[in-house]
Amino acid sequence: MLKGMMKLSTNEKLMTVGDVAKIAGVSVRTVQYYDQCNILKASSYREGGFRLYSNKDLVMLHQIKSLKHMGLTLNEIKKQLVSLDDPKIVLSIVGKQKEVIMKNIKSLQDTLEAIEFFESS
């Protein structure tokens, strides 16, 4: 058992902020920030107000990371997290983000072409 883990029941364990951060590959500060922003809330608290997270919270953190990697802002993620159980909504979000990324790529390609034209002149 990882240091700081507490048993919730026979099947579920609660993890500290440090445990969740380490497993998810983010900083403790990131997890705390997501909590402050009401994007990722702890499932429980122990003495002294220490946050404890469940496996479900860990899955949510991985979803946040994935959406962040796709370029969504925290506000966009916060609005969409509730709906992530519906695959159609997830595909819609991913499709919209793909369009944004494609527009950004086109814009960058145009800029690169302009720079190359300027250099060749």
PDB file of N, CA and C in Angstrom:
ATOM      1  N   MET A   1       0.852  -1.179   0.000  1.00  0.00           N
ATOM      2  CA  MET A   1       0.000   0.000   0.000  1.00  0.00           C
ATOM      3  C   MET A   1       0.895   1.238   0.000  1.00  0.00           C
ATOM      4  N   LEU A   2       0.567   2.218  -0.826  1.00  0.00           N
ATOM      5  CA  LEU A   2       1.331   3.457  -0.865  1.00  0.00           C
ATOM      6  C   LEU A   2       1.218   4.195   0.446  1.00  0.00           C
ATOM      7  N   LYS A   3       2.266   4.881   0.807  1.00  0.00           N
ATOM      8  CA  LYS A   3       2.241   5.689   2.018  1.00  0.00           C
ATOM      9  C   LYS A   3       1.108   6.707   1.932  1.00  0.00           C
ATOM     10  N   GLY A   4       0.340   6.825   2.980  1.00  0.00           N
ATOM     11  CA  GLY A   4      -0.735   7.804   3.013  1.00  0.00           C
ATOM     12  C   GLY A   4      -2.075   7.264   2.576  1.00  0.00           C
ATOM     13  N   MET A   5      -2.110   6.034   2.031  1.00  0.00           N
ATOM     14  CA  MET A   5      -3.391   5.463   1.616  1.00  0.00           C
ATOM     15  C   MET A   5      -4.164   4.987   2.836  1.00  0.00           C
ATOM     16  N   MET A   6      -5.446   5.197   2.807  1.00  0.00           N
ATOM     17  CA  MET A   6      -6.308   4.734   3.880  1.00  0.00           C
ATOM     18  C   MET A   6      -7.402   3.887   3.262  1.00  0.00           C
ATOM     19  N   LYS A   7      -7.819   2.839   3.941  1.00  0.00           N
ATOM     20  CA  LYS A   7      -8.899   2.003   3.424  1.00  0.00           C
ATOM     21  C   LYS A   7     -10.238   2.666   3.688  1.00  0.00           C
ATOM     22  N   LEU A   8     -11.066   2.743   2.661  1.00  0.00           N
ATOM     23  CA  LEU A   8     -12.428   3.243   2.804  1.00  0.00           C
ATOM     24  C   LEU A   8     -13.350   2.076   3.117  1.00  0.00           C
ATOM     25  N   SER A   9     -13.185   1.018   2.394  1.00  0.00           N
ATOM     26  CA  SER A   9     -13.922  -0.222   2.625  1.00  0.00           C
ATOM     27  C   SER A   9     -12.979  -1.352   2.258  1.00  0.00           C
ATOM     28  N   THR A  10     -13.500  -2.546   2.170  1.00  0.00           N
ATOM     29  CA  THR A  10     -12.628  -3.663   1.826  1.00  0.00           C
ATOM     30  C   THR A  10     -12.090  -3.552   0.400  1.00  0.00           C
ATOM     31  N   ASN A  11     -12.807  -2.859  -0.479  1.00  0.00           N
ATOM     32  CA  ASN A  11     -12.387  -2.779  -1.878  1.00  0.00           C
ATOM     33  C   ASN A  11     -11.828  -1.426  -2.293  1.00  0.00           C
ATOM     34  N   GLU A  12     -12.125  -0.379  -1.559  1.00  0.00           N
ATOM     35  CA  GLU A  12     -11.711   0.945  -1.999  1.00  0.00           C
ATOM     36  C   GLU A  12     -10.740   1.570  -1.015  1.00  0.00           C
ATOM     37  N   LYS A  13      -9.729   2.215  -1.578  1.00  0.00           N
ATOM     38  CA  LYS A  13      -8.718   2.885  -0.777  1.00  0.00           C
ATOM     39  C   LYS A  13      -8.758   4.365  -1.109  1.00  0.00           C
ATOM     40  N   LEU A  14      -8.497   5.173  -0.128  1.00  0.00           N
ATOM     41  CA  LEU A  14      -8.383   6.604  -0.365  1.00  0.00           C
ATOM     42  C   LEU A  14      -6.913   6.975  -0.385  1.00  0.00           C
ATOM     43  N   MET A  15      -6.582   7.904  -1.260  1.00  0.00           N
ATOM     44  CA  MET A  15      -5.192   8.315  -1.441  1.00  0.00           C
ATOM     45  C   MET A  15      -5.017   9.775  -1.069  1.00  0.00           C
ATOM     46  N   THR A  16      -3.826  10.087  -0.610  1.00  0.00           N
ATOM     47  CA  THR A  16      -3.501  11.472  -0.292  1.00  0.00           C
ATOM     48  C   THR A  16      -3.250  12.246  -1.582  1.00  0.00           C
ATOM     49  N   VAL A  17      -3.143  13.555  -1.457  1.00  0.00           N
ATOM     50  CA  VAL A  17      -2.829  14.408  -2.603  1.00  0.00           C
ATOM     51  C   VAL A  17      -1.514  13.957  -3.239  1.00  0.00           C
ATOM     52  N   GLY A  18      -0.536  13.677  -2.413  1.00  0.00           N
ATOM     53  CA  GLY A  18       0.764  13.254  -2.926  1.00  0.00           C
ATOM     54  C   GLY A  18       0.694  11.951  -3.701  1.00  0.00           C
ATOM     55  N   ASP A  19      -0.084  10.999  -3.190  1.00  0.00           N
ATOM     56  CA  ASP A  19      -0.247   9.717  -3.880  1.00  0.00           C
ATOM     57  C   ASP A  19      -0.896   9.909  -5.244  1.00  0.00           C
ATOM     58  N   VAL A  20      -1.990  10.672  -5.271  1.00  0.00           N
ATOM     59  CA  VAL A  20      -2.717  10.900  -6.520  1.00  0.00           C
ATOM     60  C   VAL A  20      -1.836  11.636  -7.523  1.00  0.00           C
ATOM     61  N   ALA A  21      -1.118  12.633  -7.060  1.00  0.00           N
ATOM     62  CA  ALA A  21      -0.235  13.398  -7.941  1.00  0.00           C
ATOM     63  C   ALA A  21       0.833  12.491  -8.547  1.00  0.00           C
ATOM     64  N   LYS A  22       1.427  11.647  -7.720  1.00  0.00           N
ATOM     65  CA  LYS A  22       2.477  10.751  -8.199  1.00  0.00           C
ATOM     66  C   LYS A  22       1.939   9.761  -9.223  1.00  0.00           C
ATOM     67  N   ILE A  23       0.804   9.159  -8.936  1.00  0.00           N
ATOM     68  CA  ILE A  23       0.214   8.182  -9.857  1.00  0.00           C
ATOM     69  C   ILE A  23      -0.162   8.839 -11.183  1.00  0.00           C
ATOM     70  N   ALA A  24      -0.715  10.045 -11.122  1.00  0.00           N
ATOM     71  CA  ALA A  24      -1.175  10.736 -12.334  1.00  0.00           C
ATOM     72  C   ALA A  24      -0.055  11.460 -13.072  1.00  0.00           C
ATOM     73  N   GLY A  25       1.101  11.601 -12.434  1.00  0.00           N
ATOM     74  CA  GLY A  25       2.216  12.287 -13.089  1.00  0.00           C
ATOM     75  C   GLY A  25       2.050  13.788 -13.141  1.00  0.00           C
ATOM     76  N   VAL A  26       1.449  14.342 -12.100  1.00  0.00           N
ATOM     77  CA  VAL A  26       1.306  15.799 -11.989  1.00  0.00           C
ATOM     78  C   VAL A  26       1.878  16.222 -10.640  1.00  0.00           C
ATOM     79  N   SER A  27       1.993  17.516 -10.448  1.00  0.00           N
ATOM     80  CA  SER A  27       2.496  18.011  -9.170  1.00  0.00           C
ATOM     81  C   SER A  27       1.372  18.062  -8.136  1.00  0.00           C
ATOM     82  N   VAL A  28       1.761  18.039  -6.887  1.00  0.00           N
ATOM     83  CA  VAL A  28       0.793  18.198  -5.795  1.00  0.00           C
ATOM     84  C   VAL A  28       0.083  19.530  -5.960  1.00  0.00           C
ATOM     85  N   ARG A  29       0.814  20.544  -6.343  1.00  0.00           N
ATOM     86  CA  ARG A  29       0.238  21.877  -6.528  1.00  0.00           C
ATOM     87  C   ARG A  29      -0.846  21.862  -7.607  1.00  0.00           C
ATOM     88  N   THR A  30      -0.655  21.081  -8.659  1.00  0.00           N
ATOM     89  CA  THR A  30      -1.663  20.970  -9.713  1.00  0.00           C
ATOM     90  C   THR A  30      -2.960  20.396  -9.161  1.00  0.00           C
ATOM     91  N   VAL A  31      -2.851  19.315  -8.385  1.00  0.00           N
ATOM     92  CA  VAL A  31      -4.041  18.703  -7.789  1.00  0.00           C
ATOM     93  C   VAL A  31      -4.735  19.707  -6.869  1.00  0.00           C
ATOM     94  N   GLN A  32      -3.951  20.411  -6.065  1.00  0.00           N
ATOM     95  CA  GLN A  32      -4.521  21.409  -5.157  1.00  0.00           C
ATOM     96  C   GLN A  32      -5.197  22.539  -5.935  1.00  0.00           C
ATOM     97  N   TYR A  33      -4.584  22.945  -7.045  1.00  0.00           N
ATOM     98  CA  TYR A  33      -5.162  24.013  -7.867  1.00  0.00           C
ATOM     99  C   TYR A  33      -6.488  23.573  -8.479  1.00  0.00           C
ATOM    100  N   TYR A  34      -6.546  22.332  -8.982  1.00  0.00           N
ATOM    101  CA  TYR A  34      -7.791  21.815  -9.536  1.00  0.00           C
ATOM    102  C   TYR A  34      -8.875  21.774  -8.471  1.00  0.00           C
ATOM    103  N   ASP A  35      -8.496  21.488  -7.244  1.00  0.00           N
ATOM    104  CA  ASP A  35      -9.450  21.494  -6.130  1.00  0.00           C
ATOM    105  C   ASP A  35      -9.956  22.916  -5.888  1.00  0.00           C
ATOM    106  N   GLN A  36      -9.042  23.876  -5.868  1.00  0.00           N
ATOM    107  CA  GLN A  36      -9.434  25.284  -5.672  1.00  0.00           C
ATOM    108  C   GLN A  36     -10.388  25.755  -6.760  1.00  0.00           C
ATOM    109  N   CYS A  37     -10.183  25.280  -7.978  1.00  0.00           N
ATOM    110  CA  CYS A  37     -11.010  25.677  -9.121  1.00  0.00           C
ATOM    111  C   CYS A  37     -12.304  24.861  -9.206  1.00  0.00           C
ATOM    112  N   ASN A  38     -12.515  23.967  -8.258  1.00  0.00           N
ATOM    113  CA  ASN A  38     -13.707  23.092  -8.247  1.00  0.00           C
ATOM    114  C   ASN A  38     -13.792  22.186  -9.465  1.00  0.00           C
ATOM    115  N   ILE A  39     -12.649  21.793  -9.976  1.00  0.00           N
ATOM    116  CA  ILE A  39     -12.628  20.858 -11.097  1.00  0.00           C
ATOM    117  C   ILE A  39     -12.471  19.433 -10.580  1.00  0.00           C
ATOM    118  N   LEU A  40     -11.667  19.270  -9.554  1.00  0.00           N
ATOM    119  CA  LEU A  40     -11.412  17.961  -8.961  1.00  0.00           C
ATOM    120  C   LEU A  40     -11.557  18.098  -7.452  1.00  0.00           C
ATOM    121  N   LYS A  41     -12.616  17.563  -6.925  1.00  0.00           N
ATOM    122  CA  LYS A  41     -12.868  17.647  -5.484  1.00  0.00           C
ATOM    123  C   LYS A  41     -12.495  16.340  -4.812  1.00  0.00           C
ATOM    124  N   ALA A  42     -11.961  16.431  -3.617  1.00  0.00           N
ATOM    125  CA  ALA A  42     -11.614  15.251  -2.837  1.00  0.00           C
ATOM    126  C   ALA A  42     -12.876  14.495  -2.443  1.00  0.00           C
ATOM    127  N   SER A  43     -12.777  13.178  -2.363  1.00  0.00           N
ATOM    128  CA  SER A  43     -13.917  12.352  -1.945  1.00  0.00           C
ATOM    129  C   SER A  43     -14.125  12.395  -0.446  1.00  0.00           C
ATOM    130  N   SER A  44     -13.045  12.653   0.276  1.00  0.00           N
ATOM    131  CA  SER A  44     -13.137  12.634   1.726  1.00  0.00           C
ATOM    132  C   SER A  44     -12.015  13.495   2.310  1.00  0.00           C
ATOM    133  N   TYR A  45     -12.093  13.707   3.599  1.00  0.00           N
ATOM    134  CA  TYR A  45     -11.068  14.461   4.316  1.00  0.00           C
ATOM    135  C   TYR A  45     -10.738  13.715   5.598  1.00  0.00           C
ATOM    136  N   ARG A  46      -9.513  13.833   6.043  1.00  0.00           N
ATOM    137  CA  ARG A  46      -9.151  13.252   7.327  1.00  0.00           C
ATOM    138  C   ARG A  46      -8.774  14.378   8.285  1.00  0.00           C
ATOM    139  N   GLU A  47      -8.424  14.024   9.494  1.00  0.00           N
ATOM    140  CA  GLU A  47      -8.089  15.023  10.510  1.00  0.00           C
ATOM    141  C   GLU A  47      -7.147  16.081   9.950  1.00  0.00           C
ATOM    142  N   GLY A  48      -7.372  17.304  10.335  1.00  0.00           N
ATOM    143  CA  GLY A  48      -6.535  18.397   9.865  1.00  0.00           C
ATOM    144  C   GLY A  48      -6.913  18.903   8.492  1.00  0.00           C
ATOM    145  N   GLY A  49      -7.982  18.368   7.917  1.00  0.00           N
ATOM    146  CA  GLY A  49      -8.447  18.836   6.619  1.00  0.00           C
ATOM    147  C   GLY A  49      -7.688  18.276   5.433  1.00  0.00           C
ATOM    148  N   PHE A  50      -6.873  17.236   5.643  1.00  0.00           N
ATOM    149  CA  PHE A  50      -6.132  16.645   4.533  1.00  0.00           C
ATOM    150  C   PHE A  50      -7.095  15.969   3.565  1.00  0.00           C
ATOM    151  N   ARG A  51      -6.924  16.292   2.281  1.00  0.00           N
ATOM    152  CA  ARG A  51      -7.801  15.744   1.250  1.00  0.00           C
ATOM    153  C   ARG A  51      -7.452  14.288   0.962  1.00  0.00           C
ATOM    154  N   LEU A  52      -8.493  13.508   0.699  1.00  0.00           N
ATOM    155  CA  LEU A  52      -8.321  12.113   0.323  1.00  0.00           C
ATOM    156  C   LEU A  52      -9.103  11.847  -0.956  1.00  0.00           C
ATOM    157  N   TYR A  53      -8.467  11.139  -1.872  1.00  0.00           N
ATOM    158  CA  TYR A  53      -9.037  10.905  -3.194  1.00  0.00           C
ATOM    159  C   TYR A  53      -9.268   9.424  -3.437  1.00  0.00           C
ATOM    160  N   SER A  54     -10.327   9.128  -4.184  1.00  0.00           N
ATOM    161  CA  SER A  54     -10.676   7.749  -4.525  1.00  0.00           C
ATOM    162  C   SER A  54     -10.152   7.418  -5.920  1.00  0.00           C
ATOM    163  N   ASN A  55     -10.327   6.164  -6.311  1.00  0.00           N
ATOM    164  CA  ASN A  55      -9.960   5.766  -7.676  1.00  0.00           C
ATOM    165  C   ASN A  55     -10.778   6.533  -8.704  1.00  0.00           C
ATOM    166  N   LYS A  56     -12.033   6.801  -8.385  1.00  0.00           N
ATOM    167  CA  LYS A  56     -12.890   7.583  -9.280  1.00  0.00           C
ATOM    168  C   LYS A  56     -12.295   8.987  -9.489  1.00  0.00           C
ATOM    169  N   ASP A  57     -11.782   9.578  -8.422  1.00  0.00           N
ATOM    170  CA  ASP A  57     -11.149  10.898  -8.529  1.00  0.00           C
ATOM    171  C   ASP A  57      -9.906  10.818  -9.413  1.00  0.00           C
ATOM    172  N   LEU A  58      -9.170   9.726  -9.298  1.00  0.00           N
ATOM    173  CA  LEU A  58      -7.980   9.533 -10.112  1.00  0.00           C
ATOM    174  C   LEU A  58      -8.346   9.433 -11.591  1.00  0.00           C
ATOM    175  N   VAL A  59      -9.428   8.739 -11.903  1.00  0.00           N
ATOM    176  CA  VAL A  59      -9.906   8.654 -13.291  1.00  0.00           C
ATOM    177  C   VAL A  59     -10.280  10.054 -13.791  1.00  0.00           C
ATOM    178  N   MET A  60     -10.952  10.822 -12.934  1.00  0.00           N
ATOM    179  CA  MET A  60     -11.324  12.192 -13.295  1.00  0.00           C
ATOM    180  C   MET A  60     -10.078  13.029 -13.581  1.00  0.00           C
ATOM    181  N   LEU A  61      -9.049  12.864 -12.774  1.00  0.00           N
ATOM    182  CA  LEU A  61      -7.803  13.601 -12.983  1.00  0.00           C
ATOM    183  C   LEU A  61      -7.174  13.228 -14.320  1.00  0.00           C
ATOM    184  N   HIS A  62      -7.220  11.969 -14.682  1.00  0.00           N
ATOM    185  CA  HIS A  62      -6.691  11.557 -15.985  1.00  0.00           C
ATOM    186  C   HIS A  62      -7.516  12.161 -17.129  1.00  0.00           C
ATOM    187  N   GLN A  63      -8.824  12.265 -16.951  1.00  0.00           N
ATOM    188  CA  GLN A  63      -9.660  12.912 -17.967  1.00  0.00           C
ATOM    189  C   GLN A  63      -9.282  14.386 -18.104  1.00  0.00           C
ATOM    190  N   ILE A  64      -9.074  15.039 -16.978  1.00  0.00           N
ATOM    191  CA  ILE A  64      -8.674  16.453 -16.996  1.00  0.00           C
ATOM    192  C   ILE A  64      -7.360  16.599 -17.756  1.00  0.00           C
ATOM    193  N   LYS A  65      -6.398  15.750 -17.434  1.00  0.00           N
ATOM    194  CA  LYS A  65      -5.102  15.811 -18.117  1.00  0.00           C
ATOM    195  C   LYS A  65      -5.253  15.612 -19.622  1.00  0.00           C
ATOM    196  N   SER A  66      -6.076  14.655 -20.021  1.00  0.00           N
ATOM    197  CA  SER A  66      -6.272  14.375 -21.446  1.00  0.00           C
ATOM    198  C   SER A  66      -6.897  15.572 -22.159  1.00  0.00           C
ATOM    199  N   LEU A  67      -7.924  16.152 -21.554  1.00  0.00           N
ATOM    200  CA  LEU A  67      -8.578  17.315 -22.163  1.00  0.00           C
ATOM    201  C   LEU A  67      -7.638  18.509 -22.205  1.00  0.00           C
ATOM    202  N   LYS A  68      -6.834  18.669 -21.179  1.00  0.00           N
ATOM    203  CA  LYS A  68      -5.852  19.757 -21.143  1.00  0.00           C
ATOM    204  C   LYS A  68      -4.838  19.561 -22.275  1.00  0.00           C
ATOM    205  N   HIS A  69      -4.417  18.319 -22.470  1.00  0.00           N
ATOM    206  CA  HIS A  69      -3.465  18.004 -23.532  1.00  0.00           C
ATOM    207  C   HIS A  69      -4.044  18.320 -24.913  1.00  0.00           C
ATOM    208  N   MET A  70      -5.364  18.181 -25.041  1.00  0.00           N
ATOM    209  CA  MET A  70      -6.021  18.495 -26.314  1.00  0.00           C
ATOM    210  C   MET A  70      -6.194  19.991 -26.508  1.00  0.00           C
ATOM    211  N   GLY A  71      -5.817  20.790 -25.528  1.00  0.00           N
ATOM    212  CA  GLY A  71      -5.855  22.234 -25.679  1.00  0.00           C
ATOM    213  C   GLY A  71      -7.045  22.927 -25.055  1.00  0.00           C
ATOM    214  N   LEU A  72      -7.883  22.200 -24.341  1.00  0.00           N
ATOM    215  CA  LEU A  72      -9.026  22.841 -23.691  1.00  0.00           C
ATOM    216  C   LEU A  72      -8.553  23.623 -22.472  1.00  0.00           C
ATOM    217  N   THR A  73      -9.202  24.741 -22.211  1.00  0.00           N
ATOM    218  CA  THR A  73      -8.884  25.514 -21.021  1.00  0.00           C
ATOM    219  C   THR A  73      -9.543  24.867 -19.816  1.00  0.00           C
ATOM    220  N   LEU A  74      -9.113  25.257 -18.628  1.00  0.00           N
ATOM    221  CA  LEU A  74      -9.719  24.699 -17.417  1.00  0.00           C
ATOM    222  C   LEU A  74     -11.198  25.047 -17.331  1.00  0.00           C
ATOM    223  N   ASN A  75     -11.576  26.228 -17.780  1.00  0.00           N
ATOM    224  CA  ASN A  75     -13.002  26.594 -17.772  1.00  0.00           C
ATOM    225  C   ASN A  75     -13.805  25.698 -18.711  1.00  0.00           C
ATOM    226  N   GLU A  76     -13.241  25.410 -19.893  1.00  0.00           N
ATOM    227  CA  GLU A  76     -13.922  24.511 -20.830  1.00  0.00           C
ATOM    228  C   GLU A  76     -14.030  23.107 -20.239  1.00  0.00           C
ATOM    229  N   ILE A  77     -12.956  22.664 -19.613  1.00  0.00           N
ATOM    230  CA  ILE A  77     -12.953  21.339 -18.994  1.00  0.00           C
ATOM    231  C   ILE A  77     -13.994  21.273 -17.887  1.00  0.00           C
ATOM    232  N   LYS A  78     -14.035  22.296 -17.075  1.00  0.00           N
ATOM    233  CA  LYS A  78     -14.981  22.336 -15.954  1.00  0.00           C
ATOM    234  C   LYS A  78     -16.423  22.222 -16.450  1.00  0.00           C
ATOM    235  N   LYS A  79     -16.720  22.878 -17.558  1.00  0.00           N
ATOM    236  CA  LYS A  79     -18.074  22.843 -18.112  1.00  0.00           C
ATOM    237  C   LYS A  79     -18.416  21.466 -18.684  1.00  0.00           C
ATOM    238  N   GLN A  80     -17.418  20.754 -19.170  1.00  0.00           N
ATOM    239  CA  GLN A  80     -17.668  19.505 -19.879  1.00  0.00           C
ATOM    240  C   GLN A  80     -17.541  18.258 -19.018  1.00  0.00           C
ATOM    241  N   LEU A  81     -16.864  18.322 -17.905  1.00  0.00           N
ATOM    242  CA  LEU A  81     -16.604  17.119 -17.112  1.00  0.00           C
ATOM    243  C   LEU A  81     -17.869  16.384 -16.700  1.00  0.00           C
ATOM    244  N   VAL A  82     -18.899  17.090 -16.394  1.00  0.00           N
ATOM    245  CA  VAL A  82     -20.142  16.463 -15.968  1.00  0.00           C
ATOM    246  C   VAL A  82     -20.692  15.565 -17.073  1.00  0.00           C
ATOM    247  N   SER A  83     -20.468  15.932 -18.303  1.00  0.00           N
ATOM    248  CA  SER A  83     -21.071  15.243 -19.442  1.00  0.00           C
ATOM    249  C   SER A  83     -20.194  14.150 -20.047  1.00  0.00           C
ATOM    250  N   LEU A  84     -19.058  13.860 -19.471  1.00  0.00           N
ATOM    251  CA  LEU A  84     -18.128  12.937 -20.105  1.00  0.00           C
ATOM    252  C   LEU A  84     -18.579  11.485 -20.093  1.00  0.00           C
ATOM    253  N   ASP A  85     -19.684  11.185 -19.451  1.00  0.00           N
ATOM    254  CA  ASP A  85     -20.183   9.819 -19.460  1.00  0.00           C
ATOM    255  C   ASP A  85     -20.827   9.456 -20.793  1.00  0.00           C
ATOM    256  N   ASP A  86     -21.230  10.444 -21.567  1.00  0.00           N
ATOM    257  CA  ASP A  86     -21.908  10.225 -22.840  1.00  0.00           C
ATOM    258  C   ASP A  86     -20.876  10.277 -23.980  1.00  0.00           C
ATOM    259  N   PRO A  87     -20.620   9.147 -24.644  1.00  0.00           N
ATOM    260  CA  PRO A  87     -19.612   9.118 -25.712  1.00  0.00           C
ATOM    261  C   PRO A  87     -19.879  10.131 -26.833  1.00  0.00           C
ATOM    262  N   LYS A  88     -21.149  10.411 -27.124  1.00  0.00           N
ATOM    263  CA  LYS A  88     -21.465  11.377 -28.180  1.00  0.00           C
ATOM    264  C   LYS A  88     -20.969  12.775 -27.798  1.00  0.00           C
ATOM    265  N   ILE A  89     -21.117  13.121 -26.534  1.00  0.00           N
ATOM    266  CA  ILE A  89     -20.651  14.430 -26.075  1.00  0.00           C
ATOM    267  C   ILE A  89     -19.132  14.489 -26.121  1.00  0.00           C
ATOM    268  N   VAL A  90     -18.485  13.398 -25.719  1.00  0.00           N
ATOM    269  CA  VAL A  90     -17.020  13.350 -25.762  1.00  0.00           C
ATOM    270  C   VAL A  90     -16.538  13.531 -27.198  1.00  0.00           C
ATOM    271  N   LEU A  91     -17.156  12.827 -28.149  1.00  0.00           N
ATOM    272  CA  LEU A  91     -16.772  12.961 -29.556  1.00  0.00           C
ATOM    273  C   LEU A  91     -17.009  14.372 -30.071  1.00  0.00           C
ATOM    274  N   SER A  92     -18.085  14.990 -29.628  1.00  0.00           N
ATOM    275  CA  SER A  92     -18.368  16.369 -30.024  1.00  0.00           C
ATOM    276  C   SER A  92     -17.279  17.320 -29.522  1.00  0.00           C
ATOM    277  N   ILE A  93     -16.895  17.150 -28.272  1.00  0.00           N
ATOM    278  CA  ILE A  93     -15.846  17.997 -27.684  1.00  0.00           C
ATOM    279  C   ILE A  93     -14.537  17.806 -28.434  1.00  0.00           C
ATOM    280  N   VAL A  94     -14.178  16.546 -28.672  1.00  0.00           N
ATOM    281  CA  VAL A  94     -12.937  16.239 -29.371  1.00  0.00           C
ATOM    282  C   VAL A  94     -12.987  16.788 -30.798  1.00  0.00           C
ATOM    283  N   GLY A  95     -14.123  16.666 -31.464  1.00  0.00           N
ATOM    284  CA  GLY A  95     -14.272  17.191 -32.825  1.00  0.00           C
ATOM    285  C   GLY A  95     -14.096  18.696 -32.887  1.00  0.00           C
ATOM    286  N   LYS A  96     -14.709  19.393 -31.940  1.00  0.00           N
ATOM    287  CA  LYS A  96     -14.563  20.855 -31.895  1.00  0.00           C
ATOM    288  C   LYS A  96     -13.119  21.252 -31.642  1.00  0.00           C
ATOM    289  N   GLN A  97     -12.471  20.536 -30.732  1.00  0.00           N
ATOM    290  CA  GLN A  97     -11.079  20.857 -30.438  1.00  0.00           C
ATOM    291  C   GLN A  97     -10.183  20.556 -31.634  1.00  0.00           C
ATOM    292  N   LYS A  98     -10.515  19.510 -32.387  1.00  0.00           N
ATOM    293  CA  LYS A  98      -9.763  19.189 -33.602  1.00  0.00           C
ATOM    294  C   LYS A  98      -9.849  20.340 -34.594  1.00  0.00           C
ATOM    295  N   GLU A  99     -11.038  20.914 -34.757  1.00  0.00           N
ATOM    296  CA  GLU A  99     -11.213  22.053 -35.657  1.00  0.00           C
ATOM    297  C   GLU A  99     -10.351  23.234 -35.232  1.00  0.00           C
ATOM    298  N   VAL A 100     -10.318  23.510 -33.932  1.00  0.00           N
ATOM    299  CA  VAL A 100      -9.494  24.609 -33.409  1.00  0.00           C
ATOM    300  C   VAL A 100      -8.021  24.349 -33.715  1.00  0.00           C
ATOM    301  N   ILE A 101      -7.579  23.125 -33.477  1.00  0.00           N
ATOM    302  CA  ILE A 101      -6.179  22.776 -33.719  1.00  0.00           C
ATOM    303  C   ILE A 101      -5.847  22.886 -35.203  1.00  0.00           C
ATOM    304  N   MET A 102      -6.745  22.427 -36.063  1.00  0.00           N
ATOM    305  CA  MET A 102      -6.502  22.509 -37.505  1.00  0.00           C
ATOM    306  C   MET A 102      -6.402  23.960 -37.972  1.00  0.00           C
ATOM    307  N   LYS A 103      -7.248  24.832 -37.426  1.00  0.00           N
ATOM    308  CA  LYS A 103      -7.170  26.259 -37.767  1.00  0.00           C
ATOM    309  C   LYS A 103      -5.839  26.846 -37.302  1.00  0.00           C
ATOM    310  N   ASN A 104      -5.402  26.444 -36.109  1.00  0.00           N
ATOM    311  CA  ASN A 104      -4.118  26.938 -35.604  1.00  0.00           C
ATOM    312  C   ASN A 104      -2.966  26.460 -36.473  1.00  0.00           C
ATOM    313  N   ILE A 105      -3.023  25.207 -36.910  1.00  0.00           N
ATOM    314  CA  ILE A 105      -1.982  24.671 -37.786  1.00  0.00           C
ATOM    315  C   ILE A 105      -1.953  25.443 -39.102  1.00  0.00           C
ATOM    316  N   LYS A 106      -3.132  25.686 -39.682  1.00  0.00           N
ATOM    317  CA  LYS A 106      -3.213  26.441 -40.942  1.00  0.00           C
ATOM    318  C   LYS A 106      -2.632  27.837 -40.780  1.00  0.00           C
ATOM    319  N   SER A 107      -2.964  28.482 -39.667  1.00  0.00           N
ATOM    320  CA  SER A 107      -2.451  29.819 -39.404  1.00  0.00           C
ATOM    321  C   SER A 107      -0.929  29.802 -39.268  1.00  0.00           C
ATOM    322  N   LEU A 108      -0.416  28.817 -38.569  1.00  0.00           N
ATOM    323  CA  LEU A 108       1.031  28.712 -38.406  1.00  0.00           C
ATOM    324  C   LEU A 108       1.714  28.402 -39.737  1.00  0.00           C
ATOM    325  N   GLN A 109       1.090  27.565 -40.566  1.00  0.00           N
ATOM    326  CA  GLN A 109       1.654  27.259 -41.886  1.00  0.00           C
ATOM    327  C   GLN A 109       1.699  28.523 -42.747  1.00  0.00           C
ATOM    328  N   ASP A 110       0.632  29.307 -42.703  1.00  0.00           N
ATOM    329  CA  ASP A 110       0.600  30.564 -43.459  1.00  0.00           C
ATOM    330  C   ASP A 110       1.708  31.506 -42.985  1.00  0.00           C
ATOM    331  N   THR A 111       1.886  31.582 -41.685  1.00  0.00           N
ATOM    332  CA  THR A 111       2.932  32.443 -41.118  1.00  0.00           C
ATOM    333  C   THR A 111       4.308  31.951 -41.551  1.00  0.00           C
ATOM    334  N   LEU A 112       4.516  30.645 -41.493  1.00  0.00           N
ATOM    335  CA  LEU A 112       5.801  30.072 -41.904  1.00  0.00           C
ATOM    336  C   LEU A 112       6.068  30.365 -43.375  1.00  0.00           C
ATOM    337  N   GLU A 113       5.061  30.217 -44.224  1.00  0.00           N
ATOM    338  CA  GLU A 113       5.227  30.521 -45.652  1.00  0.00           C
ATOM    339  C   GLU A 113       5.583  31.984 -45.862  1.00  0.00           C
ATOM    340  N   ALA A 114       4.954  32.866 -45.106  1.00  0.00           N
ATOM    341  CA  ALA A 114       5.259  34.297 -45.227  1.00  0.00           C
ATOM    342  C   ALA A 114       6.698  34.576 -44.805  1.00  0.00           C
ATOM    343  N   ILE A 115       7.149  33.935 -43.740  1.00  0.00           N
ATOM    344  CA  ILE A 115       8.536  34.116 -43.284  1.00  0.00           C
ATOM    345  C   ILE A 115       9.511  33.586 -44.339  1.00  0.00           C
ATOM    346  N   GLU A 116       9.225  32.408 -44.885  1.00  0.00           N
ATOM    347  CA  GLU A 116      10.093  31.828 -45.908  1.00  0.00           C
ATOM    348  C   GLU A 116      10.137  32.703 -47.153  1.00  0.00           C
ATOM    349  N   PHE A 117       9.005  33.264 -47.522  1.00  0.00           N
ATOM    350  CA  PHE A 117       8.962  34.175 -48.683  1.00  0.00           C
ATOM    351  C   PHE A 117       9.808  35.408 -48.400  1.00  0.00           C
ATOM    352  N   PHE A 118       9.696  35.935 -47.194  1.00  0.00           N
ATOM    353  CA  PHE A 118      10.463  37.120 -46.790  1.00  0.00           C
ATOM    354  C   PHE A 118      11.964  36.801 -46.817  1.00  0.00           C
ATOM    355  N   GLU A 119      12.332  35.623 -46.321  1.00  0.00           N
ATOM    356  CA  GLU A 119      13.738  35.243 -46.299  1.00  0.00           C
ATOM    357  C   GLU A 119      14.315  35.072 -47.705  1.00  0.00           C
ATOM    358  N   SER A 120      13.504  34.595 -48.629  1.00  0.00           N
ATOM    359  CA  SER A 120      13.990  34.338 -49.990  1.00  0.00           C
ATOM    360  C   SER A 120      14.031  35.601 -50.848  1.00  0.00           C
ATOM    361  N   SER A 121      13.460  36.678 -50.380  1.00  0.00           N
ATOM    362  CA  SER A 121      13.412  37.920 -51.160  1.00  0.00           C
ATOM    363  C   SER A 121      14.703  38.684 -51.089  1.00  0.00           C
TER     364      SER A 121
END
